[in-house]
C-alpha atoms as a PDB file:
ATOM      1  CA  MET A   1      48.336  94.327 -11.933  1.00  0.00           C
ATOM      2  CA  GLY A   2      45.403  92.114 -12.869  1.00  0.00           C
ATOM      3  CA  ARG A   3      46.952  90.826 -16.025  1.00  0.00           C
ATOM      4  CA  PHE A   4      50.228  89.996 -14.170  1.00  0.00           C
ATOM      5  CA  ILE A   5      48.495  87.922 -11.608  1.00  0.00           C
ATOM      6  CA  ILE A   6      46.611  85.914 -14.216  1.00  0.00           C
ATOM      7  CA  VAL A   7      49.866  85.187 -16.131  1.00  0.00           C
ATOM      8  CA  TRP A   8      51.391  84.324 -12.933  1.00  0.00           C
ATOM      9  CA  LEU A   9      48.763  81.936 -11.956  1.00  0.00           C
ATOM     10  CA  ILE A  10      48.812  80.202 -15.310  1.00  0.00           C
ATOM     11  CA  PHE A  11      52.451  79.551 -15.372  1.00  0.00           C
ATOM     12  CA  GLY A  12      52.496  78.506 -11.805  1.00  0.00           C
ATOM     13  CA  ILE A  13      49.791  75.921 -12.438  1.00  0.00           C
ATOM     14  CA  ARG A  14      51.592  74.806 -15.674  1.00  0.00           C
ATOM     15  CA  SER A  15      54.927  74.399 -14.203  1.00  0.00           C
ATOM     16  CA  VAL A  16      53.847  72.250 -11.259  1.00  0.00           C
ATOM     17  CA  VAL A  17      50.842  70.188 -12.675  1.00  0.00           C
ATOM     18  CA  ASP A  18      52.496  69.317 -15.949  1.00  0.00           C
ATOM     19  CA  ALA A  19      55.636  68.189 -14.240  1.00  0.00           C
ATOM     20  CA  ALA A  20      53.583  66.071 -11.711  1.00  0.00           C
ATOM     21  CA  LEU A  21      51.683  64.406 -14.508  1.00  0.00           C
ATOM     22  CA  VAL A  22      54.866  63.584 -16.380  1.00  0.00           C
ATOM     23  CA  GLY A  23      55.803  61.853 -13.071  1.00  0.00           C
ATOM     24  CA  ILE A  24      58.881  63.911 -11.980  1.00  0.00           C
ATOM     25  CA  VAL A  25      59.206  63.096  -8.338  1.00  0.00           C
ATOM     26  CA  LYS A  26      61.793  65.665  -7.278  1.00  0.00           C
ATOM     27  CA  LEU A  27      59.858  68.967  -8.357  1.00  0.00           C
ATOM     28  CA  ASN A  28      61.206  72.354  -7.560  1.00  0.00           C
ATOM     29  CA  THR A  29      60.405  72.993  -3.848  1.00  0.00           C
ATOM     30  CA  CYS A  30      59.497  76.664  -4.527  1.00  0.00           C
ATOM     31  CA  ALA A  31      57.048  75.462  -7.359  1.00  0.00           C
ATOM     32  CA  VAL A  32      55.398  73.010  -5.140  1.00  0.00           C
ATOM     33  CA  THR A  33      55.195  75.419  -2.236  1.00  0.00           C
ATOM     34  CA  LEU A  34      53.736  78.032  -4.621  1.00  0.00           C
ATOM     35  CA  PHE A  35      51.050  75.631  -6.015  1.00  0.00           C
ATOM     36  CA  ARG A  36      49.974  74.580  -2.476  1.00  0.00           C
ATOM     37  CA  TRP A  37      49.771  78.179  -1.420  1.00  0.00           C
ATOM     38  CA  LEU A  38      47.544  78.731  -4.482  1.00  0.00           C
ATOM     39  CA  LEU A  39      45.319  75.784  -3.561  1.00  0.00           C
ATOM     40  CA  ARG A  40      44.930  77.168  -0.047  1.00  0.00           C
ATOM     41  CA  TYR A  41      44.077  80.759  -0.832  1.00  0.00           C
ATOM     42  CA  ILE A  42      42.787  80.958  -4.422  1.00  0.00           C
ATOM     43  CA  SER A  43      39.112  80.119  -5.327  1.00  0.00           C
ATOM     44  CA  THR A  44      38.835  76.455  -6.349  1.00  0.00           C
ATOM     45  CA  PRO A  45      36.351  77.243  -9.237  1.00  0.00           C
ATOM     46  CA  LEU A  46      38.840  79.772 -10.624  1.00  0.00           C
ATOM     47  CA  LEU A  47      41.817  77.463 -10.396  1.00  0.00           C
ATOM     48  CA  LEU A  48      39.825  74.712 -12.059  1.00  0.00           C
ATOM     49  CA  ILE A  49      38.757  76.852 -14.879  1.00  0.00           C
ATOM     50  CA  VAL A  50      42.250  78.062 -15.600  1.00  0.00           C
ATOM     51  CA  SER A  51      43.475  74.514 -15.512  1.00  0.00           C
ATOM     52  CA  TYR A  52      40.644  73.339 -17.795  1.00  0.00           C
ATOM     53  CA  THR A  53      41.297  76.223 -20.170  1.00  0.00           C
ATOM     54  CA  LEU A  54      45.121  75.252 -20.274  1.00  0.00           C
ATOM     55  CA  CYS A  55      44.229  71.555 -21.074  1.00  0.00           C
ATOM     56  CA  ARG A  56      41.786  72.435 -23.929  1.00  0.00           C
ATOM     57  CA  LEU A  57      44.600  74.638 -25.371  1.00  0.00           C
ATOM     58  CA  GLY A  58      47.150  72.006 -24.982  1.00  0.00           C
ATOM     59  CA  VAL A  59      49.340  73.877 -22.692  1.00  0.00           C
ATOM     60  CA  ILE A  60      49.374  71.255 -19.984  1.00  0.00           C
ATOM     61  CA  GLY A  61      48.722  67.377 -20.261  1.00  0.00           C
ATOM     62  CA  ARG A  62      50.244  66.926 -23.769  1.00  0.00           C
ATOM     63  CA  ASN A  63      51.687  63.578 -22.613  1.00  0.00           C
ATOM     64  CA  TYR A  64      48.109  62.290 -22.301  1.00  0.00           C
ATOM     65  CA  ARG A  65      47.157  62.590 -26.056  1.00  0.00           C
ATOM     66  CA  ASN A  66      47.518  58.832 -26.751  1.00  0.00           C
ATOM     67  CA  ARG A  67      45.540  57.976 -23.536  1.00  0.00           C
ATOM     68  CA  THR A  68      42.776  60.347 -24.661  1.00  0.00           C
ATOM     69  CA  LYS A  69      42.663  58.443 -28.175  1.00  0.00           C
ATOM     70  CA  VAL A  70      42.306  55.099 -26.520  1.00  0.00           C
ATOM     71  CA  ALA A  71      39.730  56.328 -24.014  1.00  0.00           C
ATOM     72  CA  THR A  72      37.722  58.132 -26.641  1.00  0.00           C
ATOM     73  CA  GLN A  73      37.587  54.979 -28.802  1.00  0.00           C
ATOM     74  CA  ASN A  74      36.573  52.915 -25.863  1.00  0.00           C
ATOM     75  CA  TYR A  75      33.837  55.445 -24.955  1.00  0.00           C
ATOM     76  CA  GLN A  76      32.473  55.468 -28.518  1.00  0.00           C
ATOM     77  CA  CYS A  77      32.495  51.700 -28.761  1.00  0.00           C
ATOM     78  CA  LEU A  78      30.675  50.898 -25.549  1.00  0.00           C
ATOM     79  CA  MET A  79      28.348  53.878 -25.434  1.00  0.00           C
ATOM     80  CA  ASP A  80      27.594  53.727 -29.208  1.00  0.00           C
ATOM     81  CA  LYS A  81      27.543  57.386 -29.625  1.00  0.00           C
ATOM     82  CA  PRO A  82      29.952  60.148 -30.543  1.00  0.00           C
ATOM     83  CA  GLY A  83      31.934  61.990 -27.703  1.00  0.00           C
ATOM     84  CA  ARG A  84      35.258  62.537 -26.475  1.00  0.00           C
ATOM     85  CA  ILE A  85      36.995  61.556 -23.180  1.00  0.00           C
ATOM     86  CA  ASP A  86      39.695  64.138 -22.136  1.00  0.00           C
ATOM     87  CA  THR A  87      41.974  62.023 -20.019  1.00  0.00           C
ATOM     88  CA  ALA A  88      44.439  65.095 -19.628  1.00  0.00           C
ATOM     89  CA  TRP A  89      41.683  67.165 -17.881  1.00  0.00           C
ATOM     90  CA  ILE A  90      40.540  64.171 -15.736  1.00  0.00           C
ATOM     91  CA  ALA A  91      44.212  63.758 -14.563  1.00  0.00           C
ATOM     92  CA  VAL A  92      44.815  67.501 -13.975  1.00  0.00           C
ATOM     93  CA  ARG A  93      41.411  67.876 -12.094  1.00  0.00           C
ATOM     94  CA  ARG A  94      42.242  64.814 -10.051  1.00  0.00           C
ATOM     95  CA  TYR A  95      45.637  66.095  -9.153  1.00  0.00           C
ATOM     96  CA  ILE A  96      44.324  69.613  -8.154  1.00  0.00           C
ATOM     97  CA  LEU A  97      41.497  67.999  -5.910  1.00  0.00           C
ATOM     98  CA  GLU A  98      43.822  65.524  -4.269  1.00  0.00           C
ATOM     99  CA  GLU A  99      46.539  68.112  -3.513  1.00  0.00           C
ATOM    100  CA  GLY A 100      43.660  70.439  -2.219  1.00  0.00           C
ATOM    101  CA  ALA A 101      42.361  67.837   0.150  1.00  0.00           C
ATOM    102  CA  THR A 102      45.616  66.874   1.687  1.00  0.00           C
ATOM    103  CA  TRP A 103      48.857  69.139   1.396  1.00  0.00           C
ATOM    104  CA  GLY A 104      47.049  72.252   0.053  1.00  0.00           C
ATOM    105  CA  GLN A 105      44.345  72.299   2.874  1.00  0.00           C
ATOM    106  CA  ASN A 106      41.753  73.964   0.531  1.00  0.00           C
ATOM    107  CA  ARG A 107      38.840  74.888   2.643  1.00  0.00           C
ATOM    108  CA  GLN A 108      36.228  74.399  -0.265  1.00  0.00           C
ATOM    109  CA  ILE A 109      37.453  71.015  -1.420  1.00  0.00           C
ATOM    110  CA  MET A 110      37.703  69.750   2.251  1.00  0.00           C
ATOM    111  CA  SER A 111      34.166  71.057   3.081  1.00  0.00           C
ATOM    112  CA  GLN A 112      32.768  69.295  -0.036  1.00  0.00           C
ATOM    113  CA  ILE A 113      34.561  66.082   1.014  1.00  0.00           C
ATOM    114  CA  GLU A 114      33.196  66.458   4.493  1.00  0.00           C
ATOM    115  CA  ALA A 115      29.589  66.933   3.069  1.00  0.00           C
ATOM    116  CA  CYS A 116      30.095  63.742   1.024  1.00  0.00           C
ATOM    117  CA  THR A 117      31.208  61.850   4.004  1.00  0.00           C
ATOM    118  CA  HIS A 118      28.319  63.025   6.067  1.00  0.00           C
ATOM    119  CA  LYS A 119      25.857  61.646   3.390  1.00  0.00           C
ATOM    120  CA  LEU A 120      27.604  58.390   3.252  1.00  0.00           C
ATOM    121  CA  ASN A 121      27.720  57.893   7.013  1.00  0.00           C
ATOM    122  CA  GLN A 122      23.862  58.401   7.147  1.00  0.00           C
ATOM    123  CA  ILE A 123      23.925  54.934   5.393  1.00  0.00           C
ATOM    124  CA  VAL A 124      26.917  53.340   7.130  1.00  0.00           C
ATOM    125  CA  GLU A 125      26.428  54.268  10.705  1.00  0.00           C
ATOM    126  CA  PRO A 126      22.819  52.583  10.953  1.00  0.00           C
ATOM    127  CA  LEU A 127      24.438  49.386   9.700  1.00  0.00           C
ATOM    128  CA  HIS A 128      27.065  49.394  12.353  1.00  0.00           C
ATOM    129  CA  GLU A 129      24.422  50.079  14.883  1.00  0.00           C
ATOM    130  CA  GLN A 130      22.715  46.820  13.817  1.00  0.00           C
ATOM    131  CA  GLN A 131      26.038  45.061  14.082  1.00  0.00           C
ATOM    132  CA  VAL A 132      26.234  44.480  10.226  1.00  0.00           C
ATOM    133  CA  PRO A 133      29.783  44.174   8.537  1.00  0.00           C
ATOM    134  CA  VAL A 134      30.327  46.920   6.251  1.00  0.00           C
ATOM    135  CA  ILE A 135      32.337  46.796   3.021  1.00  0.00           C
ATOM    136  CA  LEU A 136      32.574  50.202   1.127  1.00  0.00           C
ATOM    137  CA  ALA A 137      32.895  49.911  -2.620  1.00  0.00           C
ATOM    138  CA  PRO A 138      33.678  53.114  -4.281  1.00  0.00           C
ATOM    139  CA  LEU A 139      34.188  53.364  -7.996  1.00  0.00           C
ATOM    140  CA  HIS A 140      37.073  54.939  -9.715  1.00  0.00           C
ATOM    141  CA  MET A 141      35.510  58.244 -10.329  1.00  0.00           C
ATOM    142  CA  VAL A 142      36.946  61.665 -10.037  1.00  0.00           C
ATOM    143  CA  SER A 143      39.632  60.513  -7.732  1.00  0.00           C
ATOM    144  CA  ASP A 144      40.372  57.088  -5.869  1.00  0.00           C
ATOM    145  CA  VAL A 145      42.121  59.015  -3.203  1.00  0.00           C
ATOM    146  CA  LEU A 146      39.256  61.330  -2.386  1.00  0.00           C
ATOM    147  CA  ALA A 147      36.811  58.512  -2.548  1.00  0.00           C
ATOM    148  CA  THR A 148      38.820  56.644   0.050  1.00  0.00           C
ATOM    149  CA  ILE A 149      39.058  59.865   2.280  1.00  0.00           C
ATOM    150  CA  VAL A 150      35.243  59.985   2.118  1.00  0.00           C
ATOM    151  CA  GLY A 151      34.816  56.230   3.022  1.00  0.00           C
ATOM    152  CA  ALA A 152      37.500  56.247   5.748  1.00  0.00           C
ATOM    153  CA  GLY A 153      35.633  59.278   7.448  1.00  0.00           C
ATOM    154  CA  THR A 154      32.446  57.163   7.991  1.00  0.00           C
ATOM    155  CA  SER A 155      31.752  55.381  11.287  1.00  0.00           C
ATOM    156  CA  PRO A 156      33.835  53.809  13.125  1.00  0.00           C
ATOM    157  CA  LYS A 157      36.283  56.323  11.405  1.00  0.00           C
ATOM    158  CA  ASN A 158      38.829  53.538  10.881  1.00  0.00           C
ATOM    159  CA  ALA A 159      39.394  51.811   7.467  1.00  0.00           C
ATOM    160  CA  THR A 160      41.691  49.657   5.405  1.00  0.00           C
ATOM    161  CA  VAL A 161      41.806  50.191   1.739  1.00  0.00           C
ATOM    162  CA  ILE A 162      42.757  47.082  -0.480  1.00  0.00           C
ATOM    163  CA  VAL A 163      44.999  48.565  -3.297  1.00  0.00           C
ATOM    164  CA  SER A 164      47.228  47.612  -6.197  1.00  0.00           C
ATOM    165  CA  SER A 165      50.938  48.266  -6.189  1.00  0.00           C
ATOM    166  CA  SER A 166      50.358  51.312  -8.456  1.00  0.00           C
ATOM    167  CA  ALA A 167      48.454  53.135  -5.738  1.00  0.00           C
ATOM    168  CA  GLU A 168      50.244  56.349  -4.402  1.00  0.00           C
ATOM    169  CA  GLN A 169      50.974  55.171  -0.853  1.00  0.00           C
ATOM    170  CA  THR A 170      54.383  57.129  -0.955  1.00  0.00           C
ATOM    171  CA  LYS A 171      52.927  60.474  -1.836  1.00  0.00           C
ATOM    172  CA  PHE A 172      49.913  60.064   0.392  1.00  0.00           C
ATOM    173  CA  ASP A 173      51.830  58.905   3.509  1.00  0.00           C
ATOM    174  CA  ASP A 174      50.950  59.304   7.189  1.00  0.00           C
ATOM    175  CA  THR A 175      51.182  62.946   7.170  1.00  0.00           C
ATOM    176  CA  ALA A 176      49.047  63.454   4.116  1.00  0.00           C
ATOM    177  CA  ARG A 177      46.496  61.117   5.743  1.00  0.00           C
ATOM    178  CA  ILE A 178      46.472  63.272   8.888  1.00  0.00           C
ATOM    179  CA  LEU A 179      46.071  66.410   6.726  1.00  0.00           C
ATOM    180  CA  GLY A 180      43.087  64.619   5.221  1.00  0.00           C
ATOM    181  CA  GLY A 181      41.498  63.809   8.423  1.00  0.00           C
ATOM    182  CA  ILE A 182      41.454  59.911   8.231  1.00  0.00           C
ATOM    183  CA  ASN A 183      42.564  56.747  10.031  1.00  0.00           C
ATOM    184  CA  LEU A 184      43.556  54.686   7.116  1.00  0.00           C
ATOM    185  CA  SER A 185      45.807  51.782   6.350  1.00  0.00           C
ATOM    186  CA  TYR A 186      46.704  49.871   3.134  1.00  0.00           C
ATOM    187  CA  CYS A 187      46.584  46.071   2.019  1.00  0.00           C
ATOM    188  CA  SER A 188      48.221  45.583  -1.259  1.00  0.00           C
ATOM    189  CA  ILE A 189      47.162  42.767  -3.479  1.00  0.00           C
ATOM    190  CA  HIS A 190      50.700  42.547  -5.054  1.00  0.00           C
ATOM    191  CA  GLN A 191      52.296  41.746  -1.816  1.00  0.00           C
ATOM    192  CA  GLU A 192      53.657  37.973  -1.346  1.00  0.00           C
ATOM    193  CA  ASP A 193      50.881  35.468  -1.097  1.00  0.00           C
ATOM    194  CA  LYS A 194      51.364  34.557   2.550  1.00  0.00           C
ATOM    195  CA  SER A 195      51.574  38.171   3.657  1.00  0.00           C
ATOM    196  CA  LEU A 196      48.393  38.974   1.656  1.00  0.00           C
ATOM    197  CA  ALA A 197      46.538  35.979   3.270  1.00  0.00           C
ATOM    198  CA  LYS A 198      47.491  36.970   6.752  1.00  0.00           C
ATOM    199  CA  ASN A 199      46.578  40.638   6.201  1.00  0.00           C
ATOM    200  CA  LEU A 200      43.303  39.787   4.615  1.00  0.00           C
ATOM    201  CA  MET A 201      42.386  37.397   7.510  1.00  0.00           C
ATOM    202  CA  THR A 202      43.161  40.196   9.991  1.00  0.00           C
ATOM    203  CA  LEU A 203      41.203  42.714   7.925  1.00  0.00           C
ATOM    204  CA  MET A 204      38.158  40.589   7.634  1.00  0.00           C
ATOM    205  CA  THR A 205      38.200  39.859  11.393  1.00  0.00           C
ATOM    206  CA  GLU A 206      38.350  43.466  12.090  1.00  0.00           C
ATOM    207  CA  THR A 207      35.499  44.185   9.572  1.00  0.00           C
ATOM    208  CA  ALA A 208      33.309  41.368  10.784  1.00  0.00           C
ATOM    209  CA  SER A 209      33.503  42.782  14.379  1.00  0.00           C
ATOM    210  CA  GLY A 210      32.846  46.209  13.403  1.00  0.00           C
ATOM    211  CA  GLN A 211      36.207  47.630  14.351  1.00  0.00           C
ATOM    212  CA  LYS A 212      36.714  49.097  10.783  1.00  0.00           C
ATOM    213  CA  ASN A 213      35.439  49.353   7.414  1.00  0.00           C
ATOM    214  CA  MET A 214      36.981  47.668   4.439  1.00  0.00           C
ATOM    215  CA  ILE A 215      37.256  49.665   1.228  1.00  0.00           C
ATOM    216  CA  ILE A 216      37.672  47.871  -2.076  1.00  0.00           C
ATOM    217  CA  PHE A 217      37.275  49.384  -5.640  1.00  0.00           C
ATOM    218  CA  PRO A 218      34.821  46.943  -7.427  1.00  0.00           C
ATOM    219  CA  ASP A 219      35.422  48.190 -10.830  1.00  0.00           C
ATOM    220  CA  ILE A 220      39.303  47.581 -10.949  1.00  0.00           C
ATOM    221  CA  THR A 221      39.921  46.016 -14.313  1.00  0.00           C
ATOM    222  CA  PRO A 222      41.186  42.359 -14.442  1.00  0.00           C
ATOM    223  CA  ASP A 223      44.503  43.135 -16.031  1.00  0.00           C
ATOM    224  CA  TYR A 224      45.516  44.894 -12.705  1.00  0.00           C
ATOM    225  CA  THR A 225      45.410  41.596 -10.901  1.00  0.00           C
ATOM    226  CA  ILE A 226      46.236  38.958 -13.634  1.00  0.00           C
ATOM    227  CA  HIS A 227      49.882  38.666 -12.462  1.00  0.00           C
ATOM    228  CA  THR A 228      48.929  38.112  -8.747  1.00  0.00           C
ATOM    229  CA  GLY A 229      48.404  34.568  -7.225  1.00  0.00           C
ATOM    230  CA  GLU A 230      44.706  35.034  -6.828  1.00  0.00           C
ATOM    231  CA  GLY A 231      44.055  37.131  -9.854  1.00  0.00           C
ATOM    232  CA  ILE A 232      44.253  34.493 -12.646  1.00  0.00           C
ATOM    233  CA  ASN A 233      41.153  32.480 -11.635  1.00  0.00           C
ATOM    234  CA  ASN A 234      39.173  34.778  -9.427  1.00  0.00           C
ATOM    235  CA  LYS A 235      37.091  36.567 -12.070  1.00  0.00           C
ATOM    236  CA  LEU A 236      33.370  36.973 -12.379  1.00  0.00           C
ATOM    237  CA  ALA A 237      31.843  36.237 -15.700  1.00  0.00           C
ATOM    238  CA  CYS A 238      29.029  38.687 -16.542  1.00  0.00           C
ATOM    239  CA  ARG A 239      27.729  41.070 -19.190  1.00  0.00           C
ATOM    240  CA  LEU A 240      28.695  44.706 -19.477  1.00  0.00           C
ATOM    241  CA  PHE A 241      27.462  46.993 -22.305  1.00  0.00           C
ATOM    242  CA  ASN A 242      25.779  44.000 -24.047  1.00  0.00           C
ATOM    243  CA  ARG A 243      29.054  42.113 -24.228  1.00  0.00           C
ATOM    244  CA  PRO A 244      30.584  39.126 -22.313  1.00  0.00           C
ATOM    245  CA  ALA A 245      32.766  40.623 -19.656  1.00  0.00           C
ATOM    246  CA  LYS A 246      34.780  39.581 -16.534  1.00  0.00           C
ATOM    247  CA  LEU A 247      35.073  41.721 -13.465  1.00  0.00           C
ATOM    248  CA  HIS A 248      37.302  41.039 -10.517  1.00  0.00           C
ATOM    249  CA  SER A 249      35.437  39.103  -7.991  1.00  0.00           C
ATOM    250  CA  GLY A 250      37.221  40.355  -4.793  1.00  0.00           C
ATOM    251  CA  VAL A 251      34.168  42.213  -3.542  1.00  0.00           C
ATOM    252  CA  VAL A 252      31.825  39.176  -4.026  1.00  0.00           C
ATOM    253  CA  ARG A 253      34.112  36.645  -2.337  1.00  0.00           C
ATOM    254  CA  LEU A 254      35.101  38.947   0.762  1.00  0.00           C
ATOM    255  CA  SER A 255      31.690  39.998   1.405  1.00  0.00           C
ATOM    256  CA  LYS A 256      30.310  36.336   1.364  1.00  0.00           C
ATOM    257  CA  VAL A 257      33.015  35.272   3.888  1.00  0.00           C
ATOM    258  CA  ILE A 258      31.983  37.710   6.671  1.00  0.00           C
ATOM    259  CA  SER A 259      28.177  38.218   5.512  1.00  0.00           C
ATOM    260  CA  ALA A 260      28.705  42.027   4.825  1.00  0.00           C
ATOM    261  CA  GLN A 261      26.589  44.393   3.328  1.00  0.00           C
ATOM    262  CA  VAL A 262      28.242  46.396   0.561  1.00  0.00           C
ATOM    263  CA  VAL A 263      27.726  49.998  -0.016  1.00  0.00           C
ATOM    264  CA  PHE A 264      28.615  51.102  -3.650  1.00  0.00           C
ATOM    265  CA  TYR A 265      29.165  54.969  -4.160  1.00  0.00           C
ATOM    266  CA  ASN A 266      30.877  57.202  -6.522  1.00  0.00           C
ATOM    267  CA  LEU A 267      32.116  60.791  -6.591  1.00  0.00           C
ATOM    268  CA  TYR A 268      31.114  63.156  -9.413  1.00  0.00           C
ATOM    269  CA  CYS A 269      31.864  66.718 -10.281  1.00  0.00           C
ATOM    270  CA  LYS A 270      28.822  69.088 -10.705  1.00  0.00           C
ATOM    271  CA  ASN A 271      29.170  72.385  -8.938  1.00  0.00           C
ATOM    272  CA  GLY A 272      31.862  70.906  -6.726  1.00  0.00           C
ATOM    273  CA  ILE A 273      32.367  67.394  -5.451  1.00  0.00           C
ATOM    274  CA  GLN A 274      29.124  65.331  -5.039  1.00  0.00           C
ATOM    275  CA  ILE A 275      28.470  61.794  -4.038  1.00  0.00           C
ATOM    276  CA  ASN A 276      26.031  59.166  -5.430  1.00  0.00           C
ATOM    277  CA  ILE A 277      25.352  56.384  -3.008  1.00  0.00           C
ATOM    278  CA  TYR A 278      23.504  53.091  -3.913  1.00  0.00           C
ATOM    279  CA  PRO A 279      21.326  51.242  -1.270  1.00  0.00           C
ATOM    280  CA  PRO A 280      23.353  48.637   0.657  1.00  0.00           C
ATOM    281  CA  VAL A 281      23.547  45.286  -1.165  1.00  0.00           C
ATOM    282  CA  HIS A 282      23.561  41.975   0.786  1.00  0.00           C
ATOM    283  CA  ALA A 283      26.533  39.798   0.144  1.00  0.00           C
ATOM    284  CA  THR A 284      24.150  37.150  -1.612  1.00  0.00           C
ATOM    285  CA  ASP A 285      23.158  39.553  -4.234  1.00  0.00           C
ATOM    286  CA  ILE A 286      26.512  41.214  -5.036  1.00  0.00           C
ATOM    287  CA  ALA A 287      27.418  39.045  -8.082  1.00  0.00           C
ATOM    288  CA  LYS A 288      24.117  39.909  -9.601  1.00  0.00           C
ATOM    289  CA  GLN A 289      24.198  43.737  -8.801  1.00  0.00           C
ATOM    290  CA  LEU A 290      27.868  44.298  -9.288  1.00  0.00           C
ATOM    291  CA  PRO A 291      27.992  44.551 -13.228  1.00  0.00           C
ATOM    292  CA  ILE A 292      24.584  46.580 -13.111  1.00  0.00           C
ATOM    293  CA  ILE A 293      26.102  49.141 -10.926  1.00  0.00           C
ATOM    294  CA  ILE A 294      29.264  49.471 -12.725  1.00  0.00           C
ATOM    295  CA  GLU A 295      27.633  49.875 -15.967  1.00  0.00           C
ATOM    296  CA  LYS A 296      24.920  52.336 -14.804  1.00  0.00           C
ATOM    297  CA  THR A 297      27.654  54.360 -13.022  1.00  0.00           C
ATOM    298  CA  ILE A 298      29.946  54.499 -16.005  1.00  0.00           C
ATOM    299  CA  ARG A 299      26.974  55.464 -18.192  1.00  0.00           C
ATOM    300  CA  ASP A 300      25.588  58.129 -15.782  1.00  0.00           C
ATOM    301  CA  TYR A 301      29.106  59.704 -15.082  1.00  0.00           C
ATOM    302  CA  PRO A 302      31.385  58.938 -18.174  1.00  0.00           C
ATOM    303  CA  ASN A 303      33.553  62.078 -17.838  1.00  0.00           C
ATOM    304  CA  ASP A 304      34.339  61.301 -14.205  1.00  0.00           C
ATOM    305  CA  TRP A 305      35.528  57.659 -14.734  1.00  0.00           C
ATOM    306  CA  LEU A 306      39.379  57.211 -14.272  1.00  0.00           C
ATOM    307  CA  LEU A 307      39.729  54.046 -16.330  1.00  0.00           C
ATOM    308  CA  TRP A 308      38.645  54.822 -19.895  1.00  0.00           C
ATOM    309  CA  HIS A 309      42.371  54.659 -21.203  1.00  0.00           C
ATOM    310  CA  SER A 310      42.681  50.851 -20.218  1.00  0.00           C
ATOM    311  CA  HIS A 311      43.119  48.873 -23.433  1.00  0.00           C
ATOM    312  CA  SER A 312      41.170  45.729 -22.432  1.00  0.00           C
ATOM    313  CA  LEU A 313      38.896  47.139 -19.844  1.00  0.00           C
ATOM    314  CA  TYR A 314      36.724  44.207 -18.714  1.00  0.00           C
ATOM    315  CA  PHE A 315      36.856  42.223 -21.992  1.00  0.00           C
ATOM    316  CA  ILE A 316      40.147  40.638 -21.416  1.00  0.00           C
ATOM    317  CA  ASN A 317      40.417  37.026 -23.089  1.00  0.00           C
ATOM    318  CA  HIS A 318      42.352  35.112 -20.553  1.00  0.00           C
END
């Protein structure tokens, strides 16, 4: 009986996770229901161990082989040391944790996220009490969805996240956000210029008045925004990993406009989901601190970063 359960668990995970990673939208309803049932009732460490083993054996995540090659080369080049970035495992783990935090309602995952939110709120709430506008700046570590859930749960429990068009707004709709326990709206940088300007003005007004927090990912690579109206010219020249680099300057510009304090943070996985929080940074210091924080975080948590597979990273030539 025990062997049957293990085999059933393995093939249940494989059928759903591998299909989801390939990008199949209309998955078998029974398979999805089964996987979410597993997330709700099966031990999270056991589920992750089984999934990791399947990744290492090449049973799931085969379509990530080329990404792993690019990511590994980027890692070895920037870190100047041997090592391997397993993008398949990073993607599988991300999928499991995101499903568990929303549709799966996994108590262990939700409890860990709640603990991260509580720690972050200990930094954010005093700023609001001092009537200081707050911009939350999570890095792309472990899961951008979970990082957003954590940020949206802090005082005043109302947030708007600035996203690219590739963000999974459809998958994580209003129902998923309710299950995740957050009051969150989106502002896409790829919308029409006039709409973007209008929405950003509204967002900045609400953030400046303390009605909500703005969430922006500061480590987004410039190639995500190169085709937007504002993305071509708005890059911050700096140095990363002892190389000339360019970062997206959104967090620098927006924080200056409303004189906000920026709270950088990142999630990482070590005996569950944990959070690393940097001291609040004043708007006037963002340009200096941004590359330092991004490089330090990537060096400290290389196996949690989601963007290793990007070909140009921050070293784009236009």
